[in-house]
């Protein structure tokens, strides 16, 4: 018998994961003195692992599959069922190609332009308000931008409702009780509403207002060539909208990093695009975004000298891998200059690793970086504001997290231009 078959029955660590949040996998690995630890989560045998070498194997689709990997509660809220994240093989590559086409350079430029326009349109209200909370404000601005790009209504109550639904999906996967069920209900409503829009496009009873709607309505999966069921097309539309709204957290973290590192605010004013990209990447490395991702072994695999059996759920620590001292000396130190040297392909994985066209790296990662760079430009070049006393702690227990206060800004005003 192989080593994997001789494993003892491990204890269930679901409660510890809920209590420790982003630091759970790292703490467990530290206690065991290894990067790969067997455990149980939600009463199911699982393996947790961290580090660049573990990530390299995790994103090898010959060894791991995604179908059925994420817990059902995550699929009922955050991800939906039938979407690209849970596909494998040829079907995944075909669906991923659709996302990569839709999120190409032209689309990214359009979304960033819409984001800045909607933000600037809000500035008179910000100036009159005295105090604004950045994170929820950014959620509304980002939802308006991505909705307009996708051809969805952005006036009246439709935008407010959509923003609330998307933020509920983002926030509910790790909740229990009413918080979780609010996420389930929000997904049902959103999928139903967007599914009817897709059906209207197909039946030509609704106008085609964007390439996004046209492509999703017309997409046919390989190898059978069948069109997506309306609800699955709605899941994929949400997979375009939701991650953009989630950038609100990264923007709040960028504002927090500027506040904590005022020398970088001065450096970024009039700085190069490279400086801004390095700053954004260090924000993405340092601050907690998504804690871990899951897959299932498609064959027995050995990681860090430990054998993992076939059909075992495996969770890769994104947060811990991005803060691994073997890849990043003094990982707790905020130092954008470390990105002068490109980190190893699987040492920097805030949104996955490997080739996004072939594997399960997020196709929207370049858009995330572009939006964040635009947001940093607004914060340092176009706005002046005060940061009043508030709770700026970032809990690593709450998933997903953000500055406790949402980052309150006071006295927002447009920055006077020189000359």
Protein backbone atom coordinates (compact mmCIF):
# COMPACT_ATOMS: atom_id res chain seq x y z
CA UNK A 1 0.00 0.00 0.00
CA UNK A 2 1.15 3.53 -0.76
CA UNK A 3 1.91 6.05 1.91
CA UNK A 4 -1.28 7.99 1.17
CA UNK A 5 -3.39 4.93 1.96
CA UNK A 6 -1.78 4.56 5.39
CA UNK A 7 -2.72 8.07 6.54
CA UNK A 8 -4.44 8.23 9.89
CA UNK A 9 -7.90 9.77 10.07
CA UNK A 10 -7.23 13.48 10.76
CA UNK A 11 -9.23 15.82 12.95
CA UNK A 12 -11.79 18.17 11.42
CA UNK A 13 -10.47 21.74 11.28
CA UNK A 14 -13.57 23.52 9.95
CA UNK A 15 -14.00 25.51 13.17
CA UNK A 16 -10.32 26.45 13.20
CA UNK A 17 -10.53 27.65 9.58
CA UNK A 18 -13.53 29.81 10.44
CA UNK A 19 -11.76 31.22 13.51
CA UNK A 20 -8.33 31.83 11.97
CA UNK A 21 -9.36 32.84 8.46
CA UNK A 22 -6.55 33.74 6.10
CA UNK A 23 -3.87 32.49 8.51
CA UNK A 24 -5.37 29.04 9.05
CA UNK A 25 -3.36 27.09 6.46
CA UNK A 26 -0.11 28.84 7.32
CA UNK A 27 -0.52 28.20 11.04
CA UNK A 28 -1.39 24.55 10.49
CA UNK A 29 1.62 24.06 8.20
CA UNK A 30 3.91 25.83 10.67
CA UNK A 31 2.75 23.58 13.51
CA UNK A 32 3.39 20.46 11.43
CA UNK A 33 6.67 21.74 10.00
CA UNK A 34 5.65 21.07 6.40
CA UNK A 35 3.99 22.75 3.42
CA UNK A 36 1.44 19.95 2.97
CA UNK A 37 -0.93 18.86 5.73
CA UNK A 38 -3.77 16.34 5.74
CA UNK A 39 -6.92 17.46 7.56
CA UNK A 40 -10.69 17.37 7.39
CA UNK A 41 -12.84 20.33 6.35
CA UNK A 42 -16.64 20.18 6.42
CA UNK A 43 -16.18 16.55 7.55
CA UNK A 44 -14.47 15.64 4.28
CA UNK A 45 -10.87 14.51 4.07
CA UNK A 46 -8.73 17.25 2.56
CA UNK A 47 -5.17 18.43 2.14
CA UNK A 48 -4.01 22.02 2.60
CA UNK A 49 -0.76 23.26 1.12
CA UNK A 50 1.25 26.40 0.47
CA UNK A 51 4.30 27.69 -1.38
CA UNK A 52 5.46 28.15 -4.96
CA UNK A 53 6.23 24.48 -5.56
CA UNK A 54 2.80 23.43 -4.31
CA UNK A 55 1.20 26.10 -6.52
CA UNK A 56 3.11 24.87 -9.60
CA UNK A 57 1.62 21.41 -9.16
CA UNK A 58 -1.82 22.71 -8.18
CA UNK A 59 -2.16 24.55 -11.51
CA UNK A 60 -1.16 21.48 -13.53
CA UNK A 61 -4.51 20.37 -14.93
CA UNK A 62 -3.15 16.90 -15.63
CA UNK A 63 -3.01 16.37 -11.86
CA UNK A 64 -5.96 18.36 -10.52
CA UNK A 65 -9.52 18.99 -11.64
CA UNK A 66 -11.97 21.68 -10.53
CA UNK A 67 -15.34 20.03 -11.05
CA UNK A 68 -16.94 19.59 -7.62
CA UNK A 69 -13.88 20.96 -5.81
CA UNK A 70 -15.39 24.05 -4.21
CA UNK A 71 -17.79 23.39 -1.32
CA UNK A 72 -21.46 23.58 -2.26
CA UNK A 73 -22.01 26.62 -0.02
CA UNK A 74 -19.42 28.55 -2.09
CA UNK A 75 -21.09 27.51 -5.35
CA UNK A 76 -24.51 28.53 -4.01
CA UNK A 77 -23.27 32.03 -3.19
CA UNK A 78 -19.96 33.32 -4.50
CA UNK A 79 -19.36 31.32 -7.67
CA UNK A 80 -22.64 29.87 -8.90
CA UNK A 81 -23.05 26.44 -10.44
CA UNK A 82 -22.02 25.51 -13.98
CA UNK A 83 -19.58 28.40 -14.37
CA UNK A 84 -16.06 28.40 -15.76
CA UNK A 85 -14.36 27.93 -12.38
CA UNK A 86 -15.76 24.40 -12.04
CA UNK A 87 -14.99 23.16 -15.56
CA UNK A 88 -12.11 21.02 -16.81
CA UNK A 89 -10.44 20.03 -20.05
CA UNK A 90 -11.71 21.13 -23.45
CA UNK A 91 -14.92 22.59 -22.05
CA UNK A 92 -12.93 24.79 -19.65
CA UNK A 93 -10.54 25.98 -22.36
CA UNK A 94 -13.43 26.93 -24.64
CA UNK A 95 -15.28 28.81 -21.93
CA UNK A 96 -12.05 30.49 -20.75
CA UNK A 97 -11.32 31.63 -24.32
CA UNK A 98 -14.64 33.48 -24.29
CA UNK A 99 -13.64 35.33 -21.11
CA UNK A 100 -10.19 36.19 -22.43
CA UNK A 101 -11.70 37.56 -25.63
CA UNK A 102 -14.25 39.64 -23.74
CA UNK A 103 -11.61 41.00 -21.36
CA UNK A 104 -9.01 41.91 -23.96
CA UNK A 105 -7.04 45.20 -24.03
CA UNK A 106 -9.82 47.20 -25.69
CA UNK A 107 -12.41 46.08 -23.14
CA UNK A 108 -10.05 46.81 -20.25
CA UNK A 109 -9.48 50.32 -21.55
CA UNK A 110 -13.22 50.84 -21.90
CA UNK A 111 -13.99 49.64 -18.36
CA UNK A 112 -11.25 51.83 -16.89
CA UNK A 113 -12.55 54.84 -18.82
CA UNK A 114 -16.09 54.22 -17.58
CA UNK A 115 -14.80 53.70 -14.03
CA UNK A 116 -13.03 57.07 -14.03
CA UNK A 117 -16.01 58.84 -15.59
CA UNK A 118 -18.46 57.50 -13.02
CA UNK A 119 -16.04 58.33 -10.20
CA UNK A 120 -15.54 61.90 -11.40
CA UNK A 121 -19.31 62.31 -11.76
CA UNK A 122 -19.60 61.59 -8.02
CA UNK A 123 -16.99 64.09 -6.89
CA UNK A 124 -19.38 67.04 -6.41
CA UNK A 125 -21.42 64.88 -4.04
CA UNK A 126 -18.26 63.79 -2.24
CA UNK A 127 -17.15 67.39 -1.82
CA UNK A 128 -20.52 68.38 -0.41
CA UNK A 129 -20.81 65.37 1.91
CA UNK A 130 -17.92 66.17 4.21
CA UNK A 131 -17.19 62.48 4.84
CA UNK A 132 -17.37 59.48 2.51
CA UNK A 133 -16.57 55.80 3.03
CA UNK A 134 -14.36 54.75 0.16
CA UNK A 135 -14.99 50.99 -0.08
CA UNK A 136 -18.78 51.00 -0.59
CA UNK A 137 -18.52 54.09 -2.79
CA UNK A 138 -16.06 52.24 -5.01
CA UNK A 139 -18.43 49.26 -5.14
CA UNK A 140 -21.15 51.45 -6.63
CA UNK A 141 -18.75 53.15 -9.07
CA UNK A 142 -17.31 49.83 -10.23
CA UNK A 143 -20.77 48.31 -10.62
CA UNK A 144 -21.88 51.26 -12.73
CA UNK A 145 -18.82 50.96 -14.96
CA UNK A 146 -18.94 47.21 -15.54
CA UNK A 147 -22.73 47.25 -15.94
CA UNK A 148 -22.56 49.93 -18.63
CA UNK A 149 -19.81 47.99 -20.39
CA UNK A 150 -21.90 44.81 -20.24
CA UNK A 151 -25.01 46.55 -21.60
CA UNK A 152 -27.04 46.44 -18.39
CA UNK A 153 -29.18 49.27 -16.96
CA UNK A 154 -27.31 51.77 -14.77
CA UNK A 155 -30.15 54.16 -13.94
CA UNK A 156 -32.81 54.21 -11.24
CA UNK A 157 -32.98 51.37 -8.75
CA UNK A 158 -31.47 48.74 -11.08
CA UNK A 159 -27.88 49.76 -10.32
CA UNK A 160 -28.45 50.03 -6.56
CA UNK A 161 -30.05 46.58 -6.49
CA UNK A 162 -27.32 45.03 -8.61
CA UNK A 163 -24.56 46.51 -6.47
CA UNK A 164 -26.20 45.18 -3.33
CA UNK A 165 -26.67 41.71 -4.85
CA UNK A 166 -23.07 41.49 -6.05
CA UNK A 167 -21.65 42.64 -2.73
CA UNK A 168 -23.87 40.12 -0.95
CA UNK A 169 -22.48 37.32 -3.14
CA UNK A 170 -18.93 38.41 -2.34
CA UNK A 171 -19.58 38.63 1.38
CA UNK A 172 -21.77 35.59 2.02
CA UNK A 173 -19.73 32.48 1.19
CA UNK A 174 -17.96 32.43 4.56
CA UNK A 175 -20.98 33.54 6.55
CA UNK A 176 -23.27 31.30 8.56
CA UNK A 177 -26.97 31.56 9.30
CA UNK A 178 -28.84 34.56 7.87
CA UNK A 179 -25.72 35.98 6.18
CA UNK A 180 -25.26 32.81 4.15
CA UNK A 181 -28.93 32.53 3.19
CA UNK A 182 -28.97 36.17 2.07
CA UNK A 183 -26.24 35.18 -0.37
CA UNK A 184 -28.21 32.18 -1.64
CA UNK A 185 -31.28 34.35 -2.19
CA UNK A 186 -29.26 37.13 -3.85
CA UNK A 187 -27.77 34.64 -6.31
CA UNK A 188 -31.16 33.14 -7.19
CA UNK A 189 -32.61 36.57 -7.86
CA UNK A 190 -29.61 37.79 -9.84
CA UNK A 191 -29.36 34.65 -11.95
CA UNK A 192 -33.09 34.72 -12.66
CA UNK A 193 -33.05 38.37 -13.68
CA UNK A 194 -29.95 38.08 -15.89
CA UNK A 195 -31.12 34.76 -17.32
CA UNK A 196 -34.27 36.48 -18.57
CA UNK A 197 -32.13 39.16 -20.23
CA UNK A 198 -30.11 36.42 -22.00
CA UNK A 199 -33.33 34.74 -23.16
CA UNK A 200 -34.61 38.08 -24.46
CA UNK A 201 -31.43 38.56 -26.51
CA UNK A 202 -31.77 35.07 -27.98
CA UNK A 203 -35.43 35.51 -28.79
CA UNK A 204 -34.80 39.02 -30.15
CA UNK A 205 -37.34 40.47 -27.74
CA UNK A 206 -34.67 42.53 -25.99
CA UNK A 207 -32.10 44.81 -27.63
CA UNK A 208 -28.51 43.66 -27.92
CA UNK A 209 -26.77 46.53 -26.16
CA UNK A 210 -23.26 45.10 -25.89
CA UNK A 211 -20.89 42.51 -27.28
CA UNK A 212 -20.91 40.93 -23.83
CA UNK A 213 -24.60 40.03 -23.97
CA UNK A 214 -24.35 38.96 -27.60
CA UNK A 215 -21.38 36.67 -26.98
CA UNK A 216 -22.82 35.08 -23.85
CA UNK A 217 -26.19 34.53 -25.50
CA UNK A 218 -24.55 32.96 -28.55
CA UNK A 219 -21.77 30.95 -26.91
CA UNK A 220 -21.76 27.21 -27.55
CA UNK A 221 -19.73 24.85 -25.42
CA UNK A 222 -17.36 22.31 -26.85
CA UNK A 223 -17.48 19.49 -27.62
CA UNK A 224 -21.27 19.18 -27.99
CA UNK A 225 -21.89 22.67 -29.42
CA UNK A 226 -24.92 23.27 -27.22
CA UNK A 227 -25.79 26.83 -26.17
CA UNK A 228 -25.45 27.64 -22.51
CA UNK A 229 -28.66 27.23 -20.50
CA UNK A 230 -29.93 30.74 -19.63
CA UNK A 231 -29.10 30.29 -15.96
CA UNK A 232 -25.52 29.18 -16.73
CA UNK A 233 -25.12 32.15 -19.09
CA UNK A 234 -26.31 34.31 -16.18
CA UNK A 235 -23.70 32.67 -13.92
CA UNK A 236 -21.01 33.64 -16.43
CA UNK A 237 -22.36 37.17 -16.71
CA UNK A 238 -22.12 37.40 -12.93
CA UNK A 239 -18.58 36.05 -13.24
CA UNK A 240 -17.79 39.15 -15.27
CA UNK A 241 -19.61 41.61 -12.99
CA UNK A 242 -18.82 40.30 -9.51
CA UNK A 243 -14.99 40.27 -9.68
CA UNK A 244 -14.97 43.88 -10.90
CA UNK A 245 -17.10 45.02 -7.98
CA UNK A 246 -14.77 43.09 -5.66
CA UNK A 247 -11.92 45.42 -6.68
CA UNK A 248 -13.50 47.86 -4.19
CA UNK A 249 -11.52 46.02 -1.51
CA UNK A 250 -8.22 46.33 -3.34
CA UNK A 251 -8.85 50.06 -3.86
CA UNK A 252 -9.54 50.51 -0.14
CA UNK A 253 -6.31 48.61 0.57
CA UNK A 254 -4.43 50.87 -1.86
CA UNK A 255 -5.75 53.93 -0.02
CA UNK A 256 -4.69 52.35 3.26
CA UNK A 257 -1.21 51.65 1.88
CA UNK A 258 -0.91 55.28 0.71
CA UNK A 259 -1.94 56.44 4.17
CA UNK A 260 0.56 54.15 5.89
CA UNK A 261 3.37 54.93 3.42
CA UNK A 262 3.18 58.68 2.67
CA UNK A 263 6.56 58.60 0.94
CA UNK A 264 4.95 56.46 -1.75
CA UNK A 265 2.16 59.01 -2.21
CA UNK A 266 4.82 61.62 -2.97
CA UNK A 267 6.72 59.25 -5.22
CA UNK A 268 3.65 58.26 -7.23
CA UNK A 269 2.63 61.83 -7.97
CA UNK A 270 4.08 62.36 -11.38
CA UNK A 271 5.78 58.97 -11.18
CA UNK A 272 6.07 56.42 -13.93
CA UNK A 273 3.55 53.79 -14.91
CA UNK A 274 6.07 51.24 -13.70
CA UNK A 275 6.09 52.79 -10.23
CA UNK A 276 2.29 52.54 -10.08
CA UNK A 277 2.29 48.97 -11.28
CA UNK A 278 4.88 47.98 -8.65
CA UNK A 279 2.80 49.71 -5.97
CA UNK A 280 -0.40 47.97 -7.07
CA UNK A 281 1.27 44.56 -7.19
CA UNK A 282 2.65 45.02 -3.68
CA UNK A 283 -0.85 45.92 -2.47
CA UNK A 284 -2.13 42.73 -4.07
CA UNK A 285 0.68 40.70 -2.49
CA UNK A 286 0.43 42.18 0.99
CA UNK A 287 -3.26 42.62 1.73
CA UNK A 288 -5.75 39.72 2.10
CA UNK A 289 -8.08 39.24 -0.86
CA UNK A 290 -9.11 35.62 -1.43
CA UNK A 291 -7.70 33.15 1.12
CA UNK A 292 -7.47 29.87 -0.79
CA UNK A 293 -8.67 27.93 -3.82
CA UNK A 294 -9.70 24.29 -4.11
CA UNK A 295 -9.18 21.44 -6.53
CA UNK A 296 -9.53 17.66 -6.51
CA UNK A 297 -6.69 15.30 -7.39
CA UNK A 298 -7.27 13.58 -10.71
CA UNK A 299 -4.55 11.05 -9.93
CA UNK A 300 -2.25 10.32 -7.00
CA UNK A 301 0.28 13.14 -6.70
CA UNK A 302 3.29 13.82 -4.50
CA UNK A 303 3.83 17.35 -3.17
CA UNK A 304 6.78 18.28 -0.94
CA UNK A 305 7.50 14.59 -0.46
CA UNK A 306 3.99 13.75 0.67
CA UNK A 307 1.69 11.51 -1.33
CA UNK A 308 -1.88 12.72 -1.87
CA UNK A 309 -4.40 10.09 -2.99
CA UNK A 310 -6.72 10.21 -5.97
CA UNK A 311 -10.00 12.14 -5.59
CA UNK A 312 -8.83 14.13 -2.57
CA UNK A 313 -9.87 17.76 -2.09
CA UNK A 314 -6.82 20.04 -1.93
CA UNK A 315 -6.77 23.69 -0.86
CA UNK A 316 -3.93 25.99 -1.92
CA UNK A 317 -3.06 28.89 0.38
CA UNK A 318 -3.03 32.02 -1.82
CA UNK A 319 -2.53 34.43 1.06
CA UNK A 320 0.34 32.48 2.61
CA UNK A 321 2.09 31.77 -0.69
CA UNK A 322 2.14 35.49 -1.52
CA UNK A 323 3.75 36.18 1.85
CA UNK A 324 6.20 33.28 1.86
CA UNK A 325 9.59 34.47 3.22
CA UNK A 326 11.35 32.02 0.89
CA UNK A 327 10.07 34.09 -2.03
CA UNK A 328 9.80 37.50 -0.32
CA UNK A 329 12.40 38.53 2.29
CA UNK A 330 10.71 40.43 5.13
CA UNK A 331 7.27 39.60 3.71
CA UNK A 332 5.41 41.80 6.24
CA UNK A 333 7.27 44.86 4.98
CA UNK A 334 5.44 46.93 2.35
CA UNK A 335 8.04 47.38 -0.39
CA UNK A 336 6.86 47.89 -3.98
CA UNK A 337 10.48 48.06 -5.12
CA UNK A 338 10.67 44.29 -4.64
CA UNK A 339 8.71 44.04 -7.91
CA UNK A 340 11.67 45.45 -9.85
CA UNK A 341 12.48 41.76 -10.06
CA UNK A 342 9.66 39.63 -11.41
CA UNK A 343 8.74 37.00 -8.80
CA UNK A 344 8.64 33.35 -9.77
CA UNK A 345 5.64 32.35 -11.87
CA UNK A 346 4.01 30.53 -8.96
CA UNK A 347 5.32 32.69 -6.09
CA UNK A 348 2.84 35.52 -6.81
CA UNK A 349 -0.69 34.11 -7.08
CA UNK A 350 -3.29 36.53 -5.66
CA UNK A 351 -5.60 35.54 -8.53
CA UNK A 352 -4.09 32.20 -9.44
CA UNK A 353 -1.02 30.97 -11.28
CA UNK A 354 0.06 29.66 -14.66
CA UNK A 355 -1.24 30.48 -18.12
CA UNK A 356 -4.80 31.87 -17.91
CA UNK A 357 -5.60 30.52 -21.39
CA UNK A 358 -4.82 26.95 -20.37
CA UNK A 359 -5.44 26.78 -16.64
CA UNK A 360 -7.50 28.28 -13.85
CA UNK A 361 -5.78 31.64 -13.41
CA UNK A 362 -8.33 34.46 -13.30
CA UNK A 363 -8.84 35.96 -16.80
CA UNK A 364 -9.76 39.30 -15.22
CA UNK A 365 -6.42 39.79 -13.44
CA UNK A 366 -5.05 42.33 -15.99
CA UNK A 367 -8.29 44.33 -15.63
CA UNK A 368 -7.89 44.30 -11.84
CA UNK A 369 -4.39 45.75 -12.18
CA UNK A 370 -5.52 48.39 -14.70
CA UNK A 371 -8.44 49.52 -12.52
CA UNK A 372 -6.24 49.68 -9.44
CA UNK A 373 -3.62 51.76 -11.25
CA UNK A 374 -6.34 54.16 -12.38
CA UNK A 375 -7.68 54.37 -8.82
CA UNK A 376 -4.23 55.10 -7.41
CA UNK A 377 -3.86 57.82 -10.04
CA UNK A 378 -7.11 59.41 -8.87
CA UNK A 379 -6.11 59.24 -5.21
CA UNK A 380 -2.67 60.80 -5.68
CA UNK A 381 -3.11 63.11 -8.70
CA UNK A 382 -6.70 64.34 -8.65
CA UNK A 383 -7.87 64.31 -5.03
CA UNK A 384 -6.95 65.83 -1.70
CA UNK A 385 -8.56 64.45 1.44
CA UNK A 386 -8.05 63.99 5.14
CA UNK A 387 -8.04 60.65 6.95
CA UNK A 388 -9.88 61.14 10.25
CA UNK A 389 -9.44 58.91 13.28
CA UNK A 390 -11.08 55.55 12.54
CA UNK A 391 -10.56 51.81 12.83
CA UNK A 392 -8.24 50.91 9.97
CA UNK A 393 -7.41 47.44 11.23
CA UNK A 394 -7.62 44.63 8.69
CA UNK A 395 -8.93 41.43 10.26
CA UNK A 396 -7.40 38.25 8.92
CA UNK A 397 -10.25 36.31 10.54
CA UNK A 398 -13.02 37.85 8.44
CA UNK A 399 -13.29 36.49 4.90
CA UNK A 400 -13.38 38.49 2.72
CA UNK A 401 -11.85 41.33 4.67
CA UNK A 402 -11.11 45.03 4.30
CA UNK A 403 -10.30 48.01 6.48
CA UNK A 404 -12.75 47.81 9.40
CA UNK A 405 -14.01 51.34 8.76
CA UNK A 406 -14.18 50.94 4.99
CA UNK A 407 -11.62 53.80 4.84
CA UNK A 408 -13.34 57.05 5.73
CA UNK A 409 -12.23 60.17 3.84
CA UNK A 410 -13.04 63.68 5.06
CA UNK A 411 -12.85 67.02 3.30
CA UNK A 412 -12.55 65.53 -0.17
CA UNK A 413 -11.63 68.16 -2.74
CA UNK A 414 -10.12 68.24 -6.18
CA UNK A 415 -6.41 68.74 -6.17
CA UNK A 416 -5.29 72.05 -7.61
CA UNK A 417 -3.34 71.58 -10.81
CA UNK A 418 0.04 73.27 -11.09
CA UNK A 419 0.10 76.06 -13.67
